[in-house]
Protein backbone atom coordinates (compact mmCIF):
# COMPACT_ATOMS: atom_id res chain seq x y z
CA MET A 1 83.23 59.10 116.87
CA LYS A 2 84.95 55.92 115.81
CA LYS A 3 87.35 54.27 118.33
CA VAL A 4 90.03 51.67 117.82
CA CYS A 5 91.41 48.98 120.06
CA PRO A 6 95.25 49.57 120.27
CA VAL A 7 95.78 45.85 120.75
CA CYS A 8 93.60 44.05 118.19
CA LYS A 9 92.90 47.15 116.01
CA SER A 10 89.13 46.40 115.96
CA GLU A 11 87.01 49.43 115.24
CA TYR A 12 83.88 50.49 117.11
CA ASP A 13 81.25 53.16 116.27
CA GLY A 14 79.24 52.99 119.49
CA GLY A 15 79.84 54.24 123.00
CA GLU A 16 82.17 51.46 124.01
CA VAL A 17 85.09 52.32 126.31
CA PHE A 18 86.82 48.92 126.51
CA CYS A 19 87.36 46.37 123.70
CA PRO A 20 84.96 43.42 124.26
CA VAL A 21 87.63 41.18 122.70
CA ASP A 22 90.69 41.87 124.84
CA ALA A 23 89.42 44.41 127.42
CA ALA A 24 91.90 47.04 126.28
CA ARG A 25 90.81 50.69 126.60
CA LEU A 26 89.72 52.08 123.18
CA VAL A 27 91.40 55.18 121.68
CA SER A 28 90.41 57.56 118.99
CA ALA A 29 91.85 57.04 115.51
CA SER A 30 93.92 60.22 115.82
CA GLN A 31 95.48 59.02 119.11
CA LEU A 32 96.46 55.79 117.34
CA ASP A 33 97.96 57.80 114.44
CA VAL A 34 99.99 59.91 116.88
CA GLY A 35 101.25 56.84 118.61
CA SER A 36 102.30 55.20 115.34
CA GLY A 37 103.94 58.37 114.02
CA SER A 38 101.63 58.73 111.03
CA THR A 39 99.88 61.93 110.06
CA PRO A 40 96.14 62.61 109.69
CA ASN A 41 94.53 63.07 106.26
CA ALA A 42 95.11 66.44 104.66
CA ASP A 43 93.43 69.11 106.81
CA PRO A 44 92.85 72.50 105.25
CA LEU A 45 93.19 74.24 108.63
CA ILE A 46 96.77 73.14 109.10
CA GLY A 47 99.06 76.00 108.11
CA ALA A 48 96.22 78.53 107.94
CA THR A 49 96.37 81.89 109.70
CA PHE A 50 93.38 83.85 110.90
CA ASP A 51 92.32 86.03 113.83
CA LYS A 52 95.93 86.29 115.01
CA TYR A 53 96.36 82.53 115.17
CA LYS A 54 98.38 80.18 112.99
CA VAL A 55 97.34 76.55 112.97
CA ILE A 56 100.25 74.18 113.28
CA ARG A 57 98.98 70.62 113.59
CA ARG A 58 96.13 68.61 114.81
CA ILE A 59 96.77 67.17 118.17
CA GLY A 60 93.34 65.51 119.23
CA GLU A 61 89.64 65.11 118.63
CA GLY A 62 86.48 64.71 120.50
CA GLY A 63 82.84 64.05 119.80
CA MET A 64 82.11 67.69 118.86
CA GLY A 65 85.39 69.12 117.72
CA LEU A 66 88.98 68.83 116.59
CA VAL A 67 91.91 70.15 118.67
CA TYR A 68 94.96 71.81 117.11
CA GLU A 69 98.18 73.26 118.29
CA ALA A 70 98.33 76.88 117.19
CA MET A 71 100.42 79.99 117.67
CA HIS A 72 99.27 83.46 118.58
CA THR A 73 101.15 85.44 115.91
CA VAL A 74 101.31 88.73 117.89
CA ILE A 75 102.69 87.54 121.24
CA GLU A 76 104.13 84.29 119.88
CA LYS A 77 102.42 82.17 122.51
CA ARG A 78 101.56 78.49 121.84
CA VAL A 79 97.87 77.73 122.42
CA ALA A 80 95.45 74.95 121.75
CA MET A 81 92.51 75.63 119.40
CA LYS A 82 89.28 73.55 119.54
CA VAL A 83 87.29 73.72 116.34
CA LEU A 84 83.71 72.59 115.94
CA ARG A 85 83.34 69.89 113.36
CA ASP A 86 81.97 71.05 110.01
CA ASP A 87 78.98 68.69 110.11
CA PHE A 88 77.89 70.32 113.42
CA SER A 89 78.61 74.02 112.49
CA SER A 90 75.21 74.38 110.71
CA ARG A 91 73.24 73.25 113.77
CA PRO A 92 72.49 76.24 116.12
CA GLU A 93 71.84 73.99 119.08
CA VAL A 94 75.25 72.37 118.72
CA VAL A 95 77.00 75.68 118.18
CA GLU A 96 75.35 76.99 121.37
CA ARG A 97 76.52 73.98 123.30
CA PHE A 98 80.03 74.54 121.98
CA ARG A 99 79.83 78.16 123.15
CA GLN A 100 78.58 76.96 126.41
CA GLU A 101 81.78 74.78 126.84
CA ALA A 102 83.92 77.94 126.56
CA LYS A 103 81.66 79.87 128.97
CA SER A 104 81.57 77.06 131.55
CA ALA A 105 85.33 76.53 131.77
CA SER A 106 86.27 80.25 131.61
CA ARG A 107 83.70 81.13 134.27
CA ILE A 108 85.07 78.75 136.93
CA GLY A 109 88.64 80.06 136.85
CA HIS A 110 90.32 77.21 138.76
CA GLU A 111 93.92 75.99 138.40
CA HIS A 112 92.84 72.43 137.72
CA ILE A 113 90.47 73.39 134.88
CA VAL A 114 91.70 74.27 131.51
CA ASP A 115 91.79 77.99 130.87
CA ILE A 116 89.97 79.34 127.79
CA SER A 117 90.95 82.77 126.46
CA ASP A 118 89.26 83.46 123.14
CA PHE A 119 86.43 82.54 120.84
CA GLY A 120 85.81 83.06 117.14
CA THR A 121 85.00 81.61 113.71
CA THR A 122 87.26 80.06 111.12
CA PRO A 123 87.29 81.29 107.47
CA SER A 124 85.06 78.34 106.63
CA GLY A 125 82.49 79.36 109.24
CA SER A 126 83.23 76.84 111.97
CA SER A 127 83.30 78.06 115.59
CA TYR A 128 86.37 77.70 117.66
CA PHE A 129 87.79 78.62 120.98
CA VAL A 130 91.32 79.05 122.28
CA MET A 131 92.70 77.50 125.38
CA GLU A 132 95.97 76.95 127.16
CA PHE A 133 98.29 74.46 125.51
CA LEU A 134 98.76 71.37 127.70
CA GLU A 135 101.82 69.18 127.40
CA GLY A 136 101.29 65.85 128.87
CA GLU A 137 98.72 63.00 128.42
CA ASP A 138 95.20 62.19 129.58
CA LEU A 139 94.48 59.64 132.24
CA ALA A 140 92.92 57.33 129.71
CA SER A 141 96.24 57.04 127.93
CA VAL A 142 98.03 56.37 131.26
CA LEU A 143 95.60 53.60 132.13
CA ALA A 144 95.79 52.09 128.63
CA ARG A 145 99.51 51.82 129.01
CA GLU A 146 99.78 50.92 132.80
CA ALA A 147 96.37 49.29 133.53
CA THR A 148 96.35 50.38 137.23
CA LEU A 149 97.89 53.10 139.39
CA SER A 150 99.28 53.05 142.91
CA VAL A 151 96.89 54.07 145.65
CA GLU A 152 98.81 57.21 146.33
CA ARG A 153 98.92 58.31 142.80
CA ALA A 154 95.25 57.50 142.09
CA VAL A 155 94.14 59.36 145.29
CA ASP A 156 96.32 62.39 144.44
CA ILE A 157 94.76 62.65 140.90
CA VAL A 158 91.22 62.19 142.24
CA MET A 159 91.63 64.78 144.94
CA GLN A 160 92.65 67.33 142.45
CA CYS A 161 89.66 66.50 140.40
CA CYS A 162 87.47 66.91 143.49
CA ARG A 163 88.86 70.41 144.20
CA ALA A 164 88.19 71.47 140.57
CA LEU A 165 84.74 70.06 140.48
CA GLY A 166 83.98 71.67 143.91
CA ALA A 167 84.83 74.99 142.36
CA ALA A 168 82.56 74.28 139.34
CA HIS A 169 79.75 73.09 141.52
CA ALA A 170 79.94 76.21 143.73
CA LYS A 171 79.22 78.25 140.55
CA GLY A 172 76.28 76.07 139.47
CA ILE A 173 78.23 74.18 136.81
CA VAL A 174 77.97 70.37 136.50
CA HIS A 175 80.47 68.78 134.12
CA ARG A 176 78.38 65.68 133.36
CA ASP A 177 80.99 63.86 131.39
CA MET A 178 83.78 63.10 133.83
CA LYS A 179 85.92 60.22 132.51
CA PRO A 180 89.69 59.47 132.21
CA GLU A 181 89.80 61.08 128.73
CA ASN A 182 88.82 64.42 130.21
CA ILE A 183 91.45 64.36 132.97
CA PHE A 184 94.66 65.74 131.56
CA LEU A 185 97.94 65.28 133.42
CA VAL A 186 100.77 67.77 133.00
CA ARG A 187 103.97 68.49 134.79
CA ARG A 188 104.07 71.68 136.81
CA GLU A 189 107.18 72.47 138.76
CA GLU A 190 107.70 69.40 141.01
CA THR A 191 104.24 67.97 140.42
CA LEU A 192 104.24 65.20 137.80
CA ASP A 193 100.47 64.57 137.81
CA PHE A 194 99.07 68.09 137.82
CA VAL A 195 95.41 67.73 136.83
CA LYS A 196 93.59 69.84 134.16
CA ILE A 197 90.04 68.92 133.56
CA VAL A 198 88.88 69.52 130.04
CA ASP A 199 85.87 69.16 127.82
CA PHE A 200 82.92 71.00 129.39
CA GLY A 201 80.94 70.49 126.20
CA ILE A 202 77.90 69.05 127.86
CA ALA A 203 78.19 70.89 131.09
CA LYS A 204 74.91 72.00 132.77
CA MET A 205 74.88 75.62 133.84
CA SER A 206 72.00 76.26 136.23
CA ASP A 207 71.48 79.90 135.13
CA ILE A 208 72.30 79.81 131.37
CA GLU A 209 69.28 79.66 129.00
CA THR A 210 69.16 79.32 125.28
CA ALA A 211 67.60 81.89 123.01
CA GLY A 212 63.81 81.40 122.56
CA ALA A 213 61.07 81.01 125.03
CA PRO A 214 61.85 82.23 128.58
CA GLY A 215 63.07 79.49 130.82
CA ARG A 216 64.03 77.17 127.94
CA LYS A 217 67.25 75.50 129.13
CA LEU A 218 69.83 74.13 126.72
CA THR A 219 69.88 70.91 128.76
CA LYS A 220 66.46 69.58 129.60
CA THR A 221 65.20 66.64 131.58
CA GLY A 222 64.98 63.46 129.43
CA MET A 223 68.10 64.30 127.34
CA ILE A 224 70.89 61.82 127.92
CA PHE A 225 74.52 62.93 127.51
CA GLY A 226 77.68 61.43 128.82
CA THR A 227 79.75 58.25 128.68
CA PRO A 228 77.80 55.13 129.76
CA GLU A 229 80.40 53.57 132.02
CA TYR A 230 80.65 56.73 134.11
CA MET A 231 76.93 57.65 134.19
CA SER A 232 74.95 57.55 137.48
CA PRO A 233 71.58 55.73 137.29
CA GLU A 234 69.56 58.97 137.15
CA GLN A 235 71.74 60.36 134.42
CA ALA A 236 71.40 57.12 132.32
CA ALA A 237 67.64 57.33 132.75
CA GLY A 238 67.50 61.03 131.53
CA LYS A 239 66.22 62.23 134.82
CA GLU A 240 66.85 65.64 136.51
CA LEU A 241 70.35 65.66 137.80
CA ASP A 242 72.77 67.74 139.90
CA HIS A 243 76.36 67.83 140.97
CA ARG A 244 76.21 64.36 142.37
CA VAL A 245 76.55 62.82 138.90
CA ASP A 246 80.12 64.18 138.83
CA VAL A 247 80.81 62.69 142.29
CA TYR A 248 79.55 59.36 141.05
CA ALA A 249 81.72 59.46 137.88
CA VAL A 250 84.87 60.33 139.94
CA GLY A 251 84.13 57.28 142.14
CA VAL A 252 84.09 55.09 139.08
CA ILE A 253 87.33 56.64 137.83
CA LEU A 254 89.01 55.91 141.16
CA PHE A 255 87.75 52.32 141.04
CA GLU A 256 89.19 52.02 137.49
CA CYS A 257 92.51 53.52 138.41
CA LEU A 258 92.91 50.94 141.21
CA THR A 259 91.52 47.83 139.53
CA GLY A 260 91.91 48.38 135.80
CA GLY A 261 88.23 48.05 134.90
CA SER A 262 84.88 49.67 135.60
CA PRO A 263 82.74 48.25 138.41
CA SER A 264 79.88 45.91 137.55
CA TRP A 265 77.40 48.12 139.30
CA ALA A 266 78.42 51.07 137.06
CA THR A 267 77.71 49.01 133.99
CA ALA A 268 74.42 47.89 135.39
CA SER A 269 73.31 51.43 136.02
CA TRP A 270 72.87 52.15 132.24
CA ALA A 271 72.49 48.63 130.87
CA SER A 272 69.36 47.88 132.91
């Protein structure tokens, strides 16, 4: 997925997180569009109604899918809908991973993990799932604007992440792509930074297997998924991993919240 530097507007197609020119945190093209008030190119899903949902507008995008604001037409509830990209919809292994994201998040059932309530297929054949609509912004956007956080605020956010990940790990689920973009901050009652962890698209579930030969796991040793700056050495090397990769990533996130950049040892873990 192409990313753009909000400062110099340079575009990058690789896995960069920070602009090598001015060190600003990169954002997706859609995030830049939202910030500038422009609208995305014509999208056939916007305005469409299917399976009790009316799609209103696109609000985000990720490596596997696009995220829309939608309305449940029966109970008139605002929801978010994540739709698998068209170029991935014909690939069974990607569709299965997309389904796994829905299974992973819904199975945990924790207040700091986004709630997923439905799964289906669009009229064009793309898989989608429905999740709670979150009003707020992700931690990456906060850091892009403020650079660093106070110790108290950073620790509060990270502690909520730890509680959520603890619940996931207790059920054998490892997120494997913890990064500021996947930590969404909403306001709940008197809490300004109420954490919702999103995007379990590459989560490893210890007891979920794909169709095919018995024992064939969707995620296998030697497959490398994740974001380089937040990968532990064993994850970057494609080795067998466990819940500790999430702990490592959260440590890097805390460092970034307090200093404004990723630690040199984190970069070395995947560059070496």
